[in-house]
Protein backbone atom coordinates (compact mmCIF):
# COMPACT_ATOMS: atom_id res chain seq x y z
CA UNK A 1 0.00 0.00 0.00
CA UNK A 2 2.79 2.46 0.85
CA UNK A 3 4.46 1.79 -2.51
CA UNK A 4 1.18 2.60 -4.25
CA UNK A 5 0.78 5.77 -2.20
CA UNK A 6 4.31 6.88 -3.10
CA UNK A 7 3.55 6.31 -6.77
CA UNK A 8 0.27 8.21 -6.42
CA UNK A 9 2.08 11.13 -4.76
CA UNK A 10 4.59 11.48 -7.61
CA UNK A 11 1.85 11.16 -10.26
CA UNK A 12 -0.16 13.86 -8.47
CA UNK A 13 2.82 16.25 -8.35
CA UNK A 14 4.00 15.67 -11.94
CA UNK A 15 0.50 15.37 -13.47
CA UNK A 16 2.04 12.89 -15.90
CA UNK A 17 2.41 9.08 -15.78
CA UNK A 18 5.59 9.08 -17.89
CA UNK A 19 7.32 11.72 -15.76
CA UNK A 20 6.30 9.86 -12.60
CA UNK A 21 7.70 6.61 -13.97
CA UNK A 22 11.01 8.32 -14.77
CA UNK A 23 11.29 9.72 -11.24
CA UNK A 24 10.47 6.35 -9.68
CA UNK A 25 12.71 4.37 -12.07
CA UNK A 26 9.86 2.04 -13.03
CA UNK A 27 7.89 1.52 -16.24
CA UNK A 28 4.83 3.57 -17.16
CA UNK A 29 2.58 0.42 -17.23
CA UNK A 30 3.69 -0.29 -13.65
CA UNK A 31 2.67 3.22 -12.63
CA UNK A 32 -0.73 2.79 -14.31
CA UNK A 33 -1.24 -0.60 -12.63
CA UNK A 34 -0.45 0.75 -9.17
CA UNK A 35 -2.83 3.68 -9.61
CA UNK A 36 -5.59 1.30 -10.80
CA UNK A 37 -4.97 -0.96 -7.80
CA UNK A 38 -5.27 2.02 -5.49
CA UNK A 39 -8.50 3.17 -7.18
CA UNK A 40 -9.94 -0.35 -6.84
CA UNK A 41 -8.98 -0.50 -3.16
CA UNK A 42 -10.62 2.87 -2.50
CA UNK A 43 -13.51 2.32 -4.92
CA UNK A 44 -13.02 5.75 -6.51
CA UNK A 45 -11.39 7.55 -9.43
CA UNK A 46 -8.27 9.52 -8.53
CA UNK A 47 -7.41 11.14 -11.88
CA UNK A 48 -9.14 12.19 -15.09
CA UNK A 49 -7.37 12.87 -18.37
CA UNK A 50 -7.13 16.38 -19.81
CA UNK A 51 -5.73 15.88 -23.30
CA UNK A 52 -3.20 13.24 -24.33
CA UNK A 53 -0.61 13.75 -21.60
CA UNK A 54 -1.85 15.87 -18.70
CA UNK A 55 -4.00 14.32 -16.01
CA UNK A 56 -6.13 16.15 -13.46
CA UNK A 57 -6.81 14.93 -9.91
CA UNK A 58 -10.41 14.41 -8.87
CA UNK A 59 -11.81 15.60 -5.53
CA UNK A 60 -10.98 12.14 -4.15
CA UNK A 61 -7.44 12.48 -5.51
CA UNK A 62 -6.93 15.86 -3.84
CA UNK A 63 -8.17 14.50 -0.51
CA UNK A 64 -5.94 11.43 -0.75
CA UNK A 65 -2.91 13.57 -1.60
CA UNK A 66 -3.28 15.61 1.60
CA UNK A 67 -3.61 12.47 3.69
CA UNK A 68 -0.95 10.50 1.82
CA UNK A 69 1.75 13.08 2.53
CA UNK A 70 1.23 12.71 6.26
CA UNK A 71 1.02 8.90 6.06
CA UNK A 72 4.24 8.63 4.05
CA UNK A 73 6.07 11.04 6.34
CA UNK A 74 4.97 9.04 9.40
CA UNK A 75 5.97 5.79 7.69
CA UNK A 76 9.46 7.09 6.90
CA UNK A 77 9.94 8.16 10.52
CA UNK A 78 8.67 4.79 11.74
CA UNK A 79 11.02 2.86 9.44
CA UNK A 80 14.00 4.88 10.63
CA UNK A 81 13.07 4.29 14.27
CA UNK A 82 12.62 0.53 13.82
CA UNK A 83 15.88 0.16 11.91
CA UNK A 84 17.75 2.02 14.60
CA UNK A 85 16.28 0.09 17.54
CA UNK A 86 18.76 0.16 20.38
CA UNK A 87 20.61 3.11 18.90
CA UNK A 88 20.24 6.84 19.35
CA UNK A 89 17.73 7.95 16.71
CA UNK A 90 18.25 11.44 15.35
CA UNK A 91 15.13 13.32 14.29
CA UNK A 92 15.29 14.67 10.70
CA UNK A 93 14.91 18.45 10.50
CA UNK A 94 14.75 19.84 6.95
CA UNK A 95 15.30 23.58 6.53
CA UNK A 96 14.89 25.48 3.27
CA UNK A 97 16.17 29.01 2.79
CA UNK A 98 16.02 31.54 -0.02
CA UNK A 99 19.39 32.74 -1.31
CA UNK A 100 19.11 36.04 0.56
CA UNK A 101 18.15 34.51 3.91
CA UNK A 102 20.77 31.84 3.28
CA UNK A 103 23.47 34.53 3.08
CA UNK A 104 22.24 36.71 5.92
CA UNK A 105 20.56 34.43 8.44
CA UNK A 106 21.58 30.79 7.99
CA UNK A 107 25.18 31.02 9.28
CA UNK A 108 24.13 32.34 12.69
CA UNK A 109 21.05 30.13 12.88
CA UNK A 110 22.97 26.96 12.02
CA UNK A 111 25.65 27.84 14.57
CA UNK A 112 22.88 27.95 17.18
CA UNK A 113 21.32 24.70 15.96
CA UNK A 114 24.70 22.93 16.03
CA UNK A 115 24.27 22.61 19.81
CA UNK A 116 21.34 20.27 19.14
CA UNK A 117 23.13 18.06 16.61
CA UNK A 118 23.18 15.10 19.00
CA UNK A 119 19.41 14.74 18.72
CA UNK A 120 18.57 16.25 15.32
CA UNK A 121 19.78 15.50 11.79
CA UNK A 122 19.76 18.92 10.09
CA UNK A 123 19.43 19.10 6.31
CA UNK A 124 19.61 22.49 4.56
CA UNK A 125 18.54 23.41 1.02
CA UNK A 126 18.87 26.74 -0.81
CA UNK A 127 16.29 27.73 -3.43
CA UNK A 128 14.18 30.74 -4.38
CA UNK A 129 11.15 31.69 -2.30
CA UNK A 130 8.57 30.11 -4.61
CA UNK A 131 10.46 26.80 -4.63
CA UNK A 132 10.68 26.85 -0.83
CA UNK A 133 6.91 27.35 -0.63
CA UNK A 134 6.29 24.42 -2.99
CA UNK A 135 8.61 22.14 -1.04
CA UNK A 136 6.91 23.12 2.23
CA UNK A 137 3.47 22.45 0.75
CA UNK A 138 4.63 19.02 -0.43
CA UNK A 139 6.02 18.14 3.03
CA UNK A 140 9.58 18.04 1.69
CA UNK A 141 10.72 20.68 4.20
CA UNK A 142 9.90 21.31 7.86
CA UNK A 143 10.87 25.01 7.99
CA UNK A 144 11.29 27.67 5.32
CA UNK A 145 13.05 31.05 5.41
CA UNK A 146 11.89 33.43 2.67
CA UNK A 147 11.72 37.14 1.94
CA UNK A 148 8.64 37.09 -0.26
CA UNK A 149 5.21 37.41 1.45
CA UNK A 150 3.83 34.18 0.00
CA UNK A 151 0.36 33.10 1.08
CA UNK A 152 -0.91 29.55 1.55
CA UNK A 153 -3.69 27.96 3.58
CA UNK A 154 -1.48 25.08 4.69
CA UNK A 155 1.39 27.02 6.26
CA UNK A 156 1.93 29.55 9.03
CA UNK A 157 4.04 32.67 8.52
CA UNK A 158 6.10 34.45 11.17
CA UNK A 159 7.45 37.86 10.14
CA UNK A 160 10.90 38.81 11.44
CA UNK A 161 13.74 41.16 10.57
CA UNK A 162 14.06 43.56 7.65
CA UNK A 163 16.24 43.91 4.59
CA UNK A 164 17.07 46.84 2.33
CA UNK A 165 17.35 46.36 -1.42
CA UNK A 166 19.56 48.87 -3.22
CA UNK A 167 20.57 49.74 -6.77
CA UNK A 168 24.23 48.78 -6.88
CA UNK A 169 27.21 48.39 -9.21
CA UNK A 170 28.50 50.21 -12.25
CA UNK A 171 25.57 52.49 -13.10
CA UNK A 172 26.96 53.18 -16.59
CA UNK A 173 27.19 49.51 -17.50
CA UNK A 174 24.70 48.18 -20.09
CA UNK A 175 24.78 44.80 -18.30
CA UNK A 176 22.12 43.99 -15.72
CA UNK A 177 22.65 41.05 -13.37
CA UNK A 178 19.23 39.54 -12.67
CA UNK A 179 17.97 36.83 -10.38
CA UNK A 180 15.69 34.10 -11.81
CA UNK A 181 12.01 35.02 -12.50
CA UNK A 182 10.53 33.38 -9.36
CA UNK A 183 12.99 35.08 -7.05
CA UNK A 184 11.79 37.69 -4.57
CA UNK A 185 14.60 40.02 -5.66
CA UNK A 186 13.54 39.66 -9.30
CA UNK A 187 10.06 40.93 -8.38
CA UNK A 188 11.56 44.14 -7.01
CA UNK A 189 14.00 44.41 -9.92
CA UNK A 190 11.18 44.27 -12.45
CA UNK A 191 9.34 47.00 -10.53
CA UNK A 192 12.46 49.18 -10.49
CA UNK A 193 13.10 48.79 -14.22
CA UNK A 194 9.48 49.58 -15.02
CA UNK A 195 9.43 52.66 -12.77
CA UNK A 196 12.66 54.00 -14.33
CA UNK A 197 11.53 53.01 -17.84
CA UNK A 198 14.73 51.01 -18.27
CA UNK A 199 15.07 48.27 -20.85
CA UNK A 200 18.40 46.53 -20.20
CA UNK A 201 20.61 46.20 -23.28
CA UNK A 202 22.30 43.14 -21.81
CA UNK A 203 21.18 40.77 -19.08
CA UNK A 204 22.71 37.87 -17.24
CA UNK A 205 20.40 35.67 -15.11
CA UNK A 206 22.19 34.27 -12.07
CA UNK A 207 20.64 32.02 -9.40
CA UNK A 208 22.82 33.34 -6.59
CA UNK A 209 22.98 36.62 -4.70
CA UNK A 210 26.59 35.94 -3.71
CA UNK A 211 27.76 35.47 -7.29
CA UNK A 212 26.03 38.72 -8.27
CA UNK A 213 27.62 40.48 -5.28
CA UNK A 214 31.08 39.19 -6.29
CA UNK A 215 30.61 40.45 -9.86
CA UNK A 216 29.50 43.87 -8.64
CA UNK A 217 32.56 43.95 -6.40
CA UNK A 218 34.69 43.46 -9.54
CA UNK A 219 32.92 46.36 -11.27
CA UNK A 220 30.89 44.09 -13.56
CA UNK A 221 27.30 45.16 -14.26
CA UNK A 222 24.58 46.61 -12.08
CA UNK A 223 21.74 45.06 -10.13
CA UNK A 224 19.06 45.34 -7.44
CA UNK A 225 20.40 43.44 -4.46
CA UNK A 226 20.40 43.28 -0.66
CA UNK A 227 22.68 45.93 0.82
CA UNK A 228 23.91 43.44 3.43
CA UNK A 229 25.71 41.18 0.93
CA UNK A 230 27.78 44.01 -0.62
CA UNK A 231 31.23 45.21 0.28
CA UNK A 232 31.94 48.90 0.89
CA UNK A 233 33.66 49.10 -2.51
CA UNK A 234 30.42 48.72 -4.48
CA UNK A 235 28.63 51.99 -5.38
CA UNK A 236 25.10 52.03 -3.97
CA UNK A 237 21.93 54.03 -4.64
CA UNK A 238 19.48 53.87 -1.76
CA UNK A 239 15.87 53.50 -2.86
CA UNK A 240 12.44 54.28 -1.41
CA UNK A 241 10.70 52.43 1.42
CA UNK A 242 9.06 50.22 -1.19
CA UNK A 243 12.38 48.38 -1.40
CA UNK A 244 12.41 47.61 2.31
CA UNK A 245 11.22 44.05 2.78
CA UNK A 246 10.51 41.69 5.64
CA UNK A 247 11.65 38.12 6.14
CA UNK A 248 9.30 35.26 7.00
CA UNK A 249 9.59 31.88 8.69
CA UNK A 250 7.24 29.29 7.16
CA UNK A 251 6.04 26.47 9.41
CA UNK A 252 3.42 23.76 9.07
CA UNK A 253 -0.07 24.30 10.47
CA UNK A 254 0.11 20.73 11.77
CA UNK A 255 3.72 20.56 13.01
CA UNK A 256 5.64 17.39 13.72
CA UNK A 257 5.53 16.92 17.49
CA UNK A 258 9.17 15.76 17.45
CA UNK A 259 10.22 19.17 16.10
CA UNK A 260 8.35 21.39 18.57
CA UNK A 261 11.44 22.05 20.70
CA UNK A 262 13.66 22.91 17.72
CA UNK A 263 10.92 25.11 16.24
CA UNK A 264 10.99 27.12 19.46
CA UNK A 265 14.79 27.46 19.19
CA UNK A 266 14.51 28.68 15.60
CA UNK A 267 11.70 31.09 16.45
CA UNK A 268 13.57 32.57 19.41
CA UNK A 269 16.69 33.10 17.30
CA UNK A 270 14.80 34.78 14.46
CA UNK A 271 12.86 37.08 16.76
CA UNK A 272 16.19 38.41 18.06
CA UNK A 273 17.69 38.76 14.58
CA UNK A 274 17.93 42.24 13.07
């Protein structure tokens, strides 16, 4: 049953039997068979087809997806506990951070969390804010640090700290260093370019604030970027209050009881951060 639920989860997220089969390293007919077995067991239809490739979950499919995520997460924890019987079992704690919060906040936070390494297995991923939200919604992360005020019914948001975005670099350069489209910084960059009626002659899309900061430090290009990641050598234009932004901690509305103590540690640290 758990194998069928795992297959169902991947099919639901990819909306495609072939893509799900590739991720699971099994054949497409095997994926179809497992989904049919699950539908027979539950006496319902989980997906309907929308064209040749895309499939759409039914109301039953959406309900099962919400429940399946929790069941699979509990099963993984149970397997780890059973396998480690008689040994000290570390509790997995998965933290996702946007590139900006990763540069500014993670080093100090992880130094604090290192004191709890005997009991927790910390795993850290860097991605843009939208990707962090998706991973949180899919139960692939336990905590998320973002700078974009994303809204979801399944997660709680705790606002903390502030950041200042500035116009920085060689202002005469035709080259603009841009973050990827789903990045929080890119949202502000697009607003800046529109307000100034600027159409960049050259652009370079870079998925890292630090790489952009290093290029600006070498006099290459211009960008909208957090003031905190720049050296004093980089020319800076301070912008209006619209470019002041707040950071957010994303947590689950139904938290893992094993992580309550570490969530309090994280919350206390962030509330003191400035």
